Amino acid sequence: MQLHITGQHLDLTEAIKNRVHEKLGRLDHYFDRVIDGRVVLKFLPHEKLSNVVEITVSAPGHDFHAEARDADMYAAIDQLADKIDGQVRQYKEKLQRHRSSPVAAVLATESE
């Protein structure tokens, strides 16, 4: 998966980039053709939960978006990874349910 990581009001360190790649790399398990992901890390000093992480993932047929806020950047990245992982897993399970439904099986056998 191609990840584009940007920072707003924040210096991106190698440790932060590695954490993002480590946590979001597991999305490849669900789709073998994830096109790309765009991650934006923001520091908002005027808010209580000052670290914001947003992601938009483009996969074949669907786009996913998630946002997480926390006082700690690494915790926000972990929350974001859990959120986007849940969305992708739910979508993948939905696709599998529709493909294996009895109606689809009946329609497939009738067309043969």
PDB file of N, CA and C in Angstrom:
ATOM      1  N   MET A   1       0.854  -1.172   0.000  1.00  0.00           N
ATOM      2  CA  MET A   1       0.000   0.000   0.000  1.00  0.00           C
ATOM      3  C   MET A   1       0.895   1.229   0.000  1.00  0.00           C
ATOM      4  N   GLN A   2       0.512   2.187  -0.776  1.00  0.00           N
ATOM      5  CA  GLN A   2       1.226   3.447  -0.889  1.00  0.00           C
ATOM      6  C   GLN A   2       0.651   4.414   0.146  1.00  0.00           C
ATOM      7  N   LEU A   3       1.450   4.849   1.120  1.00  0.00           N
ATOM      8  CA  LEU A   3       1.004   5.800   2.140  1.00  0.00           C
ATOM      9  C   LEU A   3       1.670   7.145   1.906  1.00  0.00           C
ATOM     10  N   HIS A   4       0.873   8.192   1.893  1.00  0.00           N
ATOM     11  CA  HIS A   4       1.369   9.561   1.786  1.00  0.00           C
ATOM     12  C   HIS A   4       1.119  10.215   3.139  1.00  0.00           C
ATOM     13  N   ILE A   5       2.184  10.548   3.843  1.00  0.00           N
ATOM     14  CA  ILE A   5       2.080  11.094   5.190  1.00  0.00           C
ATOM     15  C   ILE A   5       2.482  12.557   5.153  1.00  0.00           C
ATOM     16  N   THR A   6       1.595  13.415   5.683  1.00  0.00           N
ATOM     17  CA  THR A   6       1.909  14.835   5.774  1.00  0.00           C
ATOM     18  C   THR A   6       1.643  15.306   7.198  1.00  0.00           C
ATOM     19  N   GLY A   7       2.276  16.395   7.564  1.00  0.00           N
ATOM     20  CA  GLY A   7       2.098  16.965   8.888  1.00  0.00           C
ATOM     21  C   GLY A   7       1.728  18.435   8.801  1.00  0.00           C
ATOM     22  N   GLN A   8       0.853  18.854   9.679  1.00  0.00           N
ATOM     23  CA  GLN A   8       0.476  20.261   9.765  1.00  0.00           C
ATOM     24  C   GLN A   8       0.825  20.765  11.152  1.00  0.00           C
ATOM     25  N   HIS A   9       1.654  21.783  11.196  1.00  0.00           N
ATOM     26  CA  HIS A   9       2.130  22.369  12.460  1.00  0.00           C
ATOM     27  C   HIS A   9       2.869  21.315  13.289  1.00  0.00           C
ATOM     28  N   LEU A  10       3.596  20.451  12.595  1.00  0.00           N
ATOM     29  CA  LEU A  10       4.232  19.315  13.244  1.00  0.00           C
ATOM     30  C   LEU A  10       5.425  18.877  12.414  1.00  0.00           C
ATOM     31  N   ASP A  11       6.539  18.589  13.073  1.00  0.00           N
ATOM     32  CA  ASP A  11       7.693  18.018  12.388  1.00  0.00           C
ATOM     33  C   ASP A  11       7.539  16.502  12.380  1.00  0.00           C
ATOM     34  N   LEU A  12       7.539  15.920  11.190  1.00  0.00           N
ATOM     35  CA  LEU A  12       7.398  14.474  11.067  1.00  0.00           C
ATOM     36  C   LEU A  12       8.755  13.822  11.322  1.00  0.00           C
ATOM     37  N   THR A  13       8.826  13.029  12.354  1.00  0.00           N
ATOM     38  CA  THR A  13      10.050  12.293  12.645  1.00  0.00           C
ATOM     39  C   THR A  13       9.963  10.912  12.017  1.00  0.00           C
ATOM     40  N   GLU A  14      11.094  10.265  11.905  1.00  0.00           N
ATOM     41  CA  GLU A  14      11.118   8.901  11.368  1.00  0.00           C
ATOM     42  C   GLU A  14      10.340   7.948  12.277  1.00  0.00           C
ATOM     43  N   ALA A  15      10.374   8.190  13.585  1.00  0.00           N
ATOM     44  CA  ALA A  15       9.648   7.326  14.518  1.00  0.00           C
ATOM     45  C   ALA A  15       8.139   7.401  14.273  1.00  0.00           C
ATOM     46  N   ILE A  16       7.633   8.594  14.021  1.00  0.00           N
ATOM     47  CA  ILE A  16       6.198   8.755  13.753  1.00  0.00           C
ATOM     48  C   ILE A  16       5.849   8.101  12.416  1.00  0.00           C
ATOM     49  N   LYS A  17       6.667   8.317  11.400  1.00  0.00           N
ATOM     50  CA  LYS A  17       6.407   7.697  10.091  1.00  0.00           C
ATOM     51  C   LYS A  17       6.429   6.172  10.189  1.00  0.00           C
ATOM     52  N   ASN A  18       7.402   5.642  10.918  1.00  0.00           N
ATOM     53  CA  ASN A  18       7.485   4.192  11.081  1.00  0.00           C
ATOM     54  C   ASN A  18       6.273   3.639  11.817  1.00  0.00           C
ATOM     55  N   ARG A  19       5.794   4.371  12.818  1.00  0.00           N
ATOM     56  CA  ARG A  19       4.611   3.929  13.572  1.00  0.00           C
ATOM     57  C   ARG A  19       3.383   3.881  12.663  1.00  0.00           C
ATOM     58  N   VAL A  20       3.236   4.896  11.812  1.00  0.00           N
ATOM     59  CA  VAL A  20       2.103   4.930  10.883  1.00  0.00           C
ATOM     60  C   VAL A  20       2.190   3.752   9.912  1.00  0.00           C
ATOM     61  N   HIS A  21       3.360   3.509   9.355  1.00  0.00           N
ATOM     62  CA  HIS A  21       3.527   2.389   8.421  1.00  0.00           C
ATOM     63  C   HIS A  21       3.287   1.051   9.115  1.00  0.00           C
ATOM     64  N   GLU A  22       3.765   0.932  10.343  1.00  0.00           N
ATOM     65  CA  GLU A  22       3.602  -0.318  11.093  1.00  0.00           C
ATOM     66  C   GLU A  22       2.130  -0.608  11.395  1.00  0.00           C
ATOM     67  N   LYS A  23       1.403   0.406  11.855  1.00  0.00           N
ATOM     68  CA  LYS A  23       0.015   0.208  12.250  1.00  0.00           C
ATOM     69  C   LYS A  23      -0.928   0.087  11.055  1.00  0.00           C
ATOM     70  N   LEU A  24      -0.671   0.824   9.993  1.00  0.00           N
ATOM     71  CA  LEU A  24      -1.583   0.818   8.857  1.00  0.00           C
ATOM     72  C   LEU A  24      -1.185  -0.179   7.781  1.00  0.00           C
ATOM     73  N   GLY A  25      -0.042  -0.797   7.918  1.00  0.00           N
ATOM     74  CA  GLY A  25       0.376  -1.797   6.965  1.00  0.00           C
ATOM     75  C   GLY A  25      -0.481  -3.044   6.995  1.00  0.00           C
ATOM     76  N   ARG A  26      -1.186  -3.260   8.093  1.00  0.00           N
ATOM     77  CA  ARG A  26      -2.018  -4.462   8.209  1.00  0.00           C
ATOM     78  C   ARG A  26      -3.286  -4.387   7.356  1.00  0.00           C
ATOM     79  N   LEU A  27      -3.561  -3.234   6.762  1.00  0.00           N
ATOM     80  CA  LEU A  27      -4.718  -3.127   5.866  1.00  0.00           C
ATOM     81  C   LEU A  27      -4.526  -3.952   4.600  1.00  0.00           C
ATOM     82  N   ASP A  28      -3.294  -4.256   4.266  1.00  0.00           N
ATOM     83  CA  ASP A  28      -3.022  -5.073   3.086  1.00  0.00           C
ATOM     84  C   ASP A  28      -3.579  -6.484   3.224  1.00  0.00           C
ATOM     85  N   HIS A  29      -3.862  -6.924   4.446  1.00  0.00           N
ATOM     86  CA  HIS A  29      -4.406  -8.263   4.657  1.00  0.00           C
ATOM     87  C   HIS A  29      -5.826  -8.381   4.115  1.00  0.00           C
ATOM     88  N   TYR A  30      -6.551  -7.273   4.068  1.00  0.00           N
ATOM     89  CA  TYR A  30      -7.950  -7.313   3.648  1.00  0.00           C
ATOM     90  C   TYR A  30      -8.107  -7.145   2.144  1.00  0.00           C
ATOM     91  N   PHE A  31      -7.328  -6.256   1.568  1.00  0.00           N
ATOM     92  CA  PHE A  31      -7.396  -6.007   0.133  1.00  0.00           C
ATOM     93  C   PHE A  31      -6.001  -6.169  -0.438  1.00  0.00           C
ATOM     94  N   ASP A  32      -5.901  -6.927  -1.483  1.00  0.00           N
ATOM     95  CA  ASP A  32      -4.591  -7.075  -2.096  1.00  0.00           C
ATOM     96  C   ASP A  32      -4.281  -5.919  -3.040  1.00  0.00           C
ATOM     97  N   ARG A  33      -5.301  -5.108  -3.336  1.00  0.00           N
ATOM     98  CA  ARG A  33      -5.088  -3.994  -4.260  1.00  0.00           C
ATOM     99  C   ARG A  33      -5.543  -2.673  -3.642  1.00  0.00           C
ATOM    100  N   VAL A  34      -5.089  -2.350  -2.453  1.00  0.00           N
ATOM    101  CA  VAL A  34      -5.381  -1.032  -1.889  1.00  0.00           C
ATOM    102  C   VAL A  34      -4.565  -0.026  -2.684  1.00  0.00           C
ATOM    103  N   ILE A  35      -5.249   0.951  -3.233  1.00  0.00           N
ATOM    104  CA  ILE A  35      -4.580   1.881  -4.136  1.00  0.00           C
ATOM    105  C   ILE A  35      -3.620   2.791  -3.363  1.00  0.00           C
ATOM    106  N   ASP A  36      -4.155   3.563  -2.460  1.00  0.00           N
ATOM    107  CA  ASP A  36      -3.276   4.417  -1.659  1.00  0.00           C
ATOM    108  C   ASP A  36      -3.986   4.908  -0.409  1.00  0.00           C
ATOM    109  N   GLY A  37      -3.197   5.417   0.511  1.00  0.00           N
ATOM    110  CA  GLY A  37      -3.720   5.996   1.738  1.00  0.00           C
ATOM    111  C   GLY A  37      -3.078   7.346   1.970  1.00  0.00           C
ATOM    112  N   ARG A  38      -3.862   8.281   2.412  1.00  0.00           N
ATOM    113  CA  ARG A  38      -3.354   9.623   2.717  1.00  0.00           C
ATOM    114  C   ARG A  38      -3.564   9.878   4.201  1.00  0.00           C
ATOM    115  N   VAL A  39      -2.470  10.101   4.910  1.00  0.00           N
ATOM    116  CA  VAL A  39      -2.497  10.320   6.352  1.00  0.00           C
ATOM    117  C   VAL A  39      -2.072  11.754   6.617  1.00  0.00           C
ATOM    118  N   VAL A  40      -2.865  12.453   7.413  1.00  0.00           N
ATOM    119  CA  VAL A  40      -2.537  13.824   7.811  1.00  0.00           C
ATOM    120  C   VAL A  40      -2.436  13.850   9.325  1.00  0.00           C
ATOM    121  N   LEU A  41      -1.281  14.249   9.828  1.00  0.00           N
ATOM    122  CA  LEU A  41      -1.041  14.388  11.260  1.00  0.00           C
ATOM    123  C   LEU A  41      -1.042  15.874  11.583  1.00  0.00           C
ATOM    124  N   LYS A  42      -1.867  16.268  12.541  1.00  0.00           N
ATOM    125  CA  LYS A  42      -1.997  17.691  12.873  1.00  0.00           C
ATOM    126  C   LYS A  42      -1.717  17.912  14.355  1.00  0.00           C
ATOM    127  N   PHE A  43      -1.126  19.055  14.642  1.00  0.00           N
ATOM    128  CA  PHE A  43      -0.960  19.500  16.018  1.00  0.00           C
ATOM    129  C   PHE A  43      -1.761  20.779  16.177  1.00  0.00           C
ATOM    130  N   LEU A  44      -2.768  20.742  17.048  1.00  0.00           N
ATOM    131  CA  LEU A  44      -3.625  21.893  17.308  1.00  0.00           C
ATOM    132  C   LEU A  44      -3.426  22.329  18.755  1.00  0.00           C
ATOM    133  N   PRO A  45      -2.547  23.296  19.000  1.00  0.00           N
ATOM    134  CA  PRO A  45      -2.179  23.642  20.373  1.00  0.00           C
ATOM    135  C   PRO A  45      -3.304  24.284  21.186  1.00  0.00           C
ATOM    136  N   HIS A  46      -4.323  24.809  20.535  1.00  0.00           N
ATOM    137  CA  HIS A  46      -5.391  25.495  21.242  1.00  0.00           C
ATOM    138  C   HIS A  46      -6.487  24.550  21.722  1.00  0.00           C
ATOM    139  N   GLU A  47      -6.376  23.256  21.445  1.00  0.00           N
ATOM    140  CA  GLU A  47      -7.390  22.294  21.863  1.00  0.00           C
ATOM    141  C   GLU A  47      -6.839  21.371  22.933  1.00  0.00           C
ATOM    142  N   LYS A  48      -7.747  20.792  23.716  1.00  0.00           N
ATOM    143  CA  LYS A  48      -7.338  19.898  24.796  1.00  0.00           C
ATOM    144  C   LYS A  48      -6.690  18.630  24.233  1.00  0.00           C
ATOM    145  N   LEU A  49      -7.371  17.989  23.295  1.00  0.00           N
ATOM    146  CA  LEU A  49      -6.800  16.833  22.602  1.00  0.00           C
ATOM    147  C   LEU A  49      -6.104  17.365  21.351  1.00  0.00           C
ATOM    148  N   SER A  50      -4.850  17.755  21.522  1.00  0.00           N
ATOM    149  CA  SER A  50      -4.176  18.576  20.520  1.00  0.00           C
ATOM    150  C   SER A  50      -3.638  17.822  19.316  1.00  0.00           C
ATOM    151  N   ASN A  51      -3.572  16.503  19.368  1.00  0.00           N
ATOM    152  CA  ASN A  51      -3.050  15.741  18.243  1.00  0.00           C
ATOM    153  C   ASN A  51      -4.195  15.080  17.481  1.00  0.00           C
ATOM    154  N   VAL A  52      -4.254  15.357  16.191  1.00  0.00           N
ATOM    155  CA  VAL A  52      -5.315  14.837  15.334  1.00  0.00           C
ATOM    156  C   VAL A  52      -4.646  14.061  14.196  1.00  0.00           C
ATOM    157  N   VAL A  53      -5.179  12.874  13.929  1.00  0.00           N
ATOM    158  CA  VAL A  53      -4.690  12.060  12.830  1.00  0.00           C
ATOM    159  C   VAL A  53      -5.890  11.708  11.958  1.00  0.00           C
ATOM    160  N   GLU A  54      -5.776  11.960  10.655  1.00  0.00           N
ATOM    161  CA  GLU A  54      -6.839  11.646   9.707  1.00  0.00           C
ATOM    162  C   GLU A  54      -6.272  10.738   8.625  1.00  0.00           C
ATOM    163  N   ILE A  55      -7.110   9.842   8.117  1.00  0.00           N
ATOM    164  CA  ILE A  55      -6.691   8.972   7.017  1.00  0.00           C
ATOM    165  C   ILE A  55      -7.831   8.820   6.031  1.00  0.00           C
ATOM    166  N   THR A  56      -7.472   8.765   4.776  1.00  0.00           N
ATOM    167  CA  THR A  56      -8.393   8.420   3.703  1.00  0.00           C
ATOM    168  C   THR A  56      -7.716   7.334   2.898  1.00  0.00           C
ATOM    169  N   VAL A  57      -8.380   6.170   2.807  1.00  0.00           N
ATOM    170  CA  VAL A  57      -7.839   5.024   2.085  1.00  0.00           C
ATOM    171  C   VAL A  57      -8.731   4.761   0.885  1.00  0.00           C
ATOM    172  N   SER A  58      -8.119   4.655  -0.268  1.00  0.00           N
ATOM    173  CA  SER A  58      -8.839   4.331  -1.497  1.00  0.00           C
ATOM    174  C   SER A  58      -8.584   2.871  -1.838  1.00  0.00           C
ATOM    175  N   ALA A  59      -9.672   2.116  -1.906  1.00  0.00           N
ATOM    176  CA  ALA A  59      -9.603   0.709  -2.288  1.00  0.00           C
ATOM    177  C   ALA A  59     -10.523   0.519  -3.482  1.00  0.00           C
ATOM    178  N   PRO A  60     -10.400  -0.583  -4.175  1.00  0.00           N
ATOM    179  CA  PRO A  60     -11.275  -0.807  -5.331  1.00  0.00           C
ATOM    180  C   PRO A  60     -12.753  -0.763  -4.942  1.00  0.00           C
ATOM    181  N   GLY A  61     -13.468   0.211  -5.455  1.00  0.00           N
ATOM    182  CA  GLY A  61     -14.900   0.302  -5.225  1.00  0.00           C
ATOM    183  C   GLY A  61     -15.332   1.055  -3.991  1.00  0.00           C
ATOM    184  N   HIS A  62     -14.399   1.505  -3.145  1.00  0.00           N
ATOM    185  CA  HIS A  62     -14.823   2.172  -1.914  1.00  0.00           C
ATOM    186  C   HIS A  62     -13.681   3.013  -1.353  1.00  0.00           C
ATOM    187  N   ASP A  63     -14.043   4.136  -0.722  1.00  0.00           N
ATOM    188  CA  ASP A  63     -13.087   4.968   0.007  1.00  0.00           C
ATOM    189  C   ASP A  63     -13.443   4.939   1.480  1.00  0.00           C
ATOM    190  N   PHE A  64     -12.440   4.883   2.325  1.00  0.00           N
ATOM    191  CA  PHE A  64     -12.622   4.845   3.773  1.00  0.00           C
ATOM    192  C   PHE A  64     -11.992   6.094   4.370  1.00  0.00           C
ATOM    193  N   HIS A  65     -12.620   6.626   5.419  1.00  0.00           N
ATOM    194  CA  HIS A  65     -12.093   7.805   6.097  1.00  0.00           C
ATOM    195  C   HIS A  65     -12.262   7.624   7.601  1.00  0.00           C
ATOM    196  N   ALA A  66     -11.241   8.021   8.354  1.00  0.00           N
ATOM    197  CA  ALA A  66     -11.314   7.956   9.809  1.00  0.00           C
ATOM    198  C   ALA A  66     -10.484   9.094  10.386  1.00  0.00           C
ATOM    199  N   GLU A  67     -10.838   9.460  11.616  1.00  0.00           N
ATOM    200  CA  GLU A  67     -10.136  10.523  12.333  1.00  0.00           C
ATOM    201  C   GLU A  67     -10.034  10.122  13.793  1.00  0.00           C
ATOM    202  N   ALA A  68      -8.897  10.450  14.415  1.00  0.00           N
ATOM    203  CA  ALA A  68      -8.702  10.173  15.838  1.00  0.00           C
ATOM    204  C   ALA A  68      -8.008  11.365  16.479  1.00  0.00           C
ATOM    205  N   ARG A  69      -8.392  11.625  17.726  1.00  0.00           N
ATOM    206  CA  ARG A  69      -7.805  12.731  18.493  1.00  0.00           C
ATOM    207  C   ARG A  69      -7.336  12.212  19.841  1.00  0.00           C
ATOM    208  N   ASP A  70      -6.175  12.695  20.268  1.00  0.00           N
ATOM    209  CA  ASP A  70      -5.655  12.311  21.574  1.00  0.00           C
ATOM    210  C   ASP A  70      -4.587  13.321  21.977  1.00  0.00           C
ATOM    211  N   ALA A  71      -4.262  13.334  23.250  1.00  0.00           N
ATOM    212  CA  ALA A  71      -3.211  14.212  23.732  1.00  0.00           C
ATOM    213  C   ALA A  71      -1.828  13.697  23.304  1.00  0.00           C
ATOM    214  N   ASP A  72      -1.719  12.393  23.069  1.00  0.00           N
ATOM    215  CA  ASP A  72      -0.475  11.769  22.640  1.00  0.00           C
ATOM    216  C   ASP A  72      -0.592  11.355  21.170  1.00  0.00           C
ATOM    217  N   MET A  73       0.386  11.710  20.358  1.00  0.00           N
ATOM    218  CA  MET A  73       0.326  11.409  18.927  1.00  0.00           C
ATOM    219  C   MET A  73       0.312   9.910  18.663  1.00  0.00           C
ATOM    220  N   TYR A  74       1.121   9.157  19.410  1.00  0.00           N
ATOM    221  CA  TYR A  74       1.185   7.718  19.195  1.00  0.00           C
ATOM    222  C   TYR A  74      -0.140   7.042  19.565  1.00  0.00           C
ATOM    223  N   ALA A  75      -0.786   7.515  20.596  1.00  0.00           N
ATOM    224  CA  ALA A  75      -2.100   6.977  20.974  1.00  0.00           C
ATOM    225  C   ALA A  75      -3.138   7.305  19.903  1.00  0.00           C
ATOM    226  N   ALA A  76      -3.061   8.489  19.332  1.00  0.00           N
ATOM    227  CA  ALA A  76      -3.977   8.871  18.255  1.00  0.00           C
ATOM    228  C   ALA A  76      -3.768   7.985  17.027  1.00  0.00           C
ATOM    229  N   ILE A  77      -2.523   7.663  16.715  1.00  0.00           N
ATOM    230  CA  ILE A  77      -2.234   6.777  15.586  1.00  0.00           C
ATOM    231  C   ILE A  77      -2.808   5.390  15.848  1.00  0.00           C
ATOM    232  N   ASP A  78      -2.655   4.892  17.079  1.00  0.00           N
ATOM    233  CA  ASP A  78      -3.206   3.574  17.429  1.00  0.00           C
ATOM    234  C   ASP A  78      -4.726   3.563  17.312  1.00  0.00           C
ATOM    235  N   GLN A  79      -5.383   4.617  17.798  1.00  0.00           N
ATOM    236  CA  GLN A  79      -6.848   4.709  17.706  1.00  0.00           C
ATOM    237  C   GLN A  79      -7.290   4.751  16.245  1.00  0.00           C
ATOM    238  N   LEU A  80      -6.578   5.513  15.441  1.00  0.00           N
ATOM    239  CA  LEU A  80      -6.903   5.623  14.024  1.00  0.00           C
ATOM    240  C   LEU A  80      -6.764   4.272  13.332  1.00  0.00           C
ATOM    241  N   ALA A  81      -5.702   3.561  13.643  1.00  0.00           N
ATOM    242  CA  ALA A  81      -5.487   2.248  13.029  1.00  0.00           C
ATOM    243  C   ALA A  81      -6.623   1.297  13.387  1.00  0.00           C
ATOM    244  N   ASP A  82      -7.081   1.333  14.630  1.00  0.00           N
ATOM    245  CA  ASP A  82      -8.197   0.476  15.045  1.00  0.00           C
ATOM    246  C   ASP A  82      -9.484   0.854  14.327  1.00  0.00           C
ATOM    247  N   LYS A  83      -9.730   2.151  14.181  1.00  0.00           N
ATOM    248  CA  LYS A  83     -10.955   2.608  13.512  1.00  0.00           C
ATOM    249  C   LYS A  83     -10.981   2.202  12.039  1.00  0.00           C
ATOM    250  N   ILE A  84      -9.898   2.472  11.336  1.00  0.00           N
ATOM    251  CA  ILE A  84      -9.880   2.180   9.905  1.00  0.00           C
ATOM    252  C   ILE A  84      -9.849   0.674   9.674  1.00  0.00           C
ATOM    253  N   ASP A  85      -9.195  -0.058  10.570  1.00  0.00           N
ATOM    254  CA  ASP A  85      -9.172  -1.516  10.471  1.00  0.00           C
ATOM    255  C   ASP A  85     -10.589  -2.077  10.623  1.00  0.00           C
ATOM    256  N   GLY A  86     -11.348  -1.532  11.551  1.00  0.00           N
ATOM    257  CA  GLY A  86     -12.733  -1.971  11.739  1.00  0.00           C
ATOM    258  C   GLY A  86     -13.600  -1.675  10.524  1.00  0.00           C
ATOM    259  N   GLN A  87     -13.429  -0.505   9.933  1.00  0.00           N
ATOM    260  CA  GLN A  87     -14.209  -0.145   8.748  1.00  0.00           C
ATOM    261  C   GLN A  87     -13.896  -1.077   7.576  1.00  0.00           C
ATOM    262  N   VAL A  88     -12.615  -1.317   7.355  1.00  0.00           N
ATOM    263  CA  VAL A  88     -12.211  -2.155   6.236  1.00  0.00           C
ATOM    264  C   VAL A  88     -12.659  -3.596   6.460  1.00  0.00           C
ATOM    265  N   ARG A  89     -12.505  -4.094   7.689  1.00  0.00           N
ATOM    266  CA  ARG A  89     -12.934  -5.456   7.999  1.00  0.00           C
ATOM    267  C   ARG A  89     -14.438  -5.610   7.807  1.00  0.00           C
ATOM    268  N   GLN A  90     -15.208  -4.642   8.275  1.00  0.00           N
ATOM    269  CA  GLN A  90     -16.666  -4.688   8.136  1.00  0.00           C
ATOM    270  C   GLN A  90     -17.069  -4.675   6.661  1.00  0.00           C
ATOM    271  N   TYR A  91     -16.424  -3.855   5.861  1.00  0.00           N
ATOM    272  CA  TYR A  91     -16.730  -3.795   4.435  1.00  0.00           C
ATOM    273  C   TYR A  91     -16.384  -5.116   3.742  1.00  0.00           C
ATOM    274  N   LYS A  92     -15.231  -5.681   4.090  1.00  0.00           N
ATOM    275  CA  LYS A  92     -14.796  -6.933   3.480  1.00  0.00           C
ATOM    276  C   LYS A  92     -15.760  -8.063   3.855  1.00  0.00           C
ATOM    277  N   GLU A  93     -16.209  -8.109   5.115  1.00  0.00           N
ATOM    278  CA  GLU A  93     -17.171  -9.125   5.532  1.00  0.00           C
ATOM    279  C   GLU A  93     -18.505  -8.947   4.816  1.00  0.00           C
ATOM    280  N   LYS A  94     -18.895  -7.707   4.600  1.00  0.00           N
ATOM    281  CA  LYS A  94     -20.132  -7.425   3.881  1.00  0.00           C
ATOM    282  C   LYS A  94     -20.037  -7.951   2.442  1.00  0.00           C
ATOM    283  N   LEU A  95     -18.906  -7.727   1.804  1.00  0.00           N
ATOM    284  CA  LEU A  95     -18.714  -8.233   0.446  1.00  0.00           C
ATOM    285  C   LEU A  95     -18.776  -9.757   0.418  1.00  0.00           C
ATOM    286  N   GLN A  96     -18.166 -10.389   1.385  1.00  0.00           N
ATOM    287  CA  GLN A  96     -18.165 -11.850   1.425  1.00  0.00           C
ATOM    288  C   GLN A  96     -19.558 -12.406   1.695  1.00  0.00           C
ATOM    289  N   ARG A  97     -20.339 -11.738   2.546  1.00  0.00           N
ATOM    290  CA  ARG A  97     -21.710 -12.188   2.824  1.00  0.00           C
ATOM    291  C   ARG A  97     -22.556 -12.110   1.569  1.00  0.00           C
ATOM    292  N   HIS A  98     -22.413 -11.030   0.811  1.00  0.00           N
ATOM    293  CA  HIS A  98     -23.213 -10.859  -0.392  1.00  0.00           C
ATOM    294  C   HIS A  98     -22.820 -11.861  -1.481  1.00  0.00           C
ATOM    295  N   ARG A  99     -21.559 -12.203  -1.532  1.00  0.00           N
ATOM    296  CA  ARG A  99     -21.103 -13.168  -2.538  1.00  0.00           C
ATOM    297  C   ARG A  99     -21.554 -14.581  -2.213  1.00  0.00           C
ATOM    298  N   SER A 100     -21.672 -14.894  -0.936  1.00  0.00           N
ATOM    299  CA  SER A 100     -22.014 -16.256  -0.545  1.00  0.00           C
ATOM    300  C   SER A 100     -23.484 -16.399  -0.150  1.00  0.00           C
ATOM    301  N   SER A 101     -24.303 -15.408  -0.467  1.00  0.00           N
ATOM    302  CA  SER A 101     -25.713 -15.495  -0.102  1.00  0.00           C
ATOM    303  C   SER A 101     -26.410 -16.549  -0.952  1.00  0.00           C
ATOM    304  N   PRO A 102     -27.449 -17.202  -0.433  1.00  0.00           N
ATOM    305  CA  PRO A 102     -28.153 -18.243  -1.189  1.00  0.00           C
ATOM    306  C   PRO A 102     -28.791 -17.712  -2.472  1.00  0.00           C
ATOM    307  N   VAL A 103     -29.248 -16.479  -2.462  1.00  0.00           N
ATOM    308  CA  VAL A 103     -29.864 -15.904  -3.656  1.00  0.00           C
ATOM    309  C   VAL A 103     -28.832 -15.797  -4.779  1.00  0.00           C
ATOM    310  N   ALA A 104     -27.638 -15.344  -4.443  1.00  0.00           N
ATOM    311  CA  ALA A 104     -26.591 -15.233  -5.452  1.00  0.00           C
ATOM    312  C   ALA A 104     -26.205 -16.595  -5.978  1.00  0.00           C
ATOM    313  N   ALA A 105     -26.189 -17.611  -5.120  1.00  0.00           N
ATOM    314  CA  ALA A 105     -25.842 -18.970  -5.556  1.00  0.00           C
ATOM    315  C   ALA A 105     -26.920 -19.511  -6.500  1.00  0.00           C
ATOM    316  N   VAL A 106     -28.181 -19.256  -6.195  1.00  0.00           N
ATOM    317  CA  VAL A 106     -29.271 -19.713  -7.056  1.00  0.00           C
ATOM    318  C   VAL A 106     -29.207 -19.016  -8.409  1.00  0.00           C
ATOM    319  N   LEU A 107     -28.973 -17.724  -8.403  1.00  0.00           N
ATOM    320  CA  LEU A 107     -28.879 -16.980  -9.656  1.00  0.00           C
ATOM    321  C   LEU A 107     -27.697 -17.461 -10.490  1.00  0.00           C
ATOM    322  N   ALA A 108     -26.608 -17.788  -9.836  1.00  0.00           N
ATOM    323  CA  ALA A 108     -25.425 -18.255 -10.555  1.00  0.00           C
ATOM    324  C   ALA A 108     -25.678 -19.608 -11.203  1.00  0.00           C
ATOM    325  N   THR A 109     -26.393 -20.513 -10.526  1.00  0.00           N
ATOM    326  CA  THR A 109     -26.660 -21.835 -11.094  1.00  0.00           C
ATOM    327  C   THR A 109     -27.707 -21.767 -12.208  1.00  0.00           C
ATOM    328  N   GLU A 110     -28.640 -20.819 -12.111  1.00  0.00           N
ATOM    329  CA  GLU A 110     -29.651 -20.680 -13.151  1.00  0.00           C
ATOM    330  C   GLU A 110     -29.069 -20.161 -14.455  1.00  0.00           C
ATOM    331  N   SER A 111     -28.028 -19.339 -14.348  1.00  0.00           N
ATOM    332  CA  SER A 111     -27.455 -18.750 -15.560  1.00  0.00           C
ATOM    333  C   SER A 111     -26.558 -19.710 -16.308  1.00  0.00           C
ATOM    334  N   GLU A 112     -26.199 -20.832 -15.707  1.00  0.00           N
ATOM    335  CA  GLU A 112     -25.298 -21.793 -16.360  1.00  0.00           C
ATOM    336  C   GLU A 112     -25.998 -22.640 -17.345  1.00  0.00           C
TER     337      GLU A 112
END
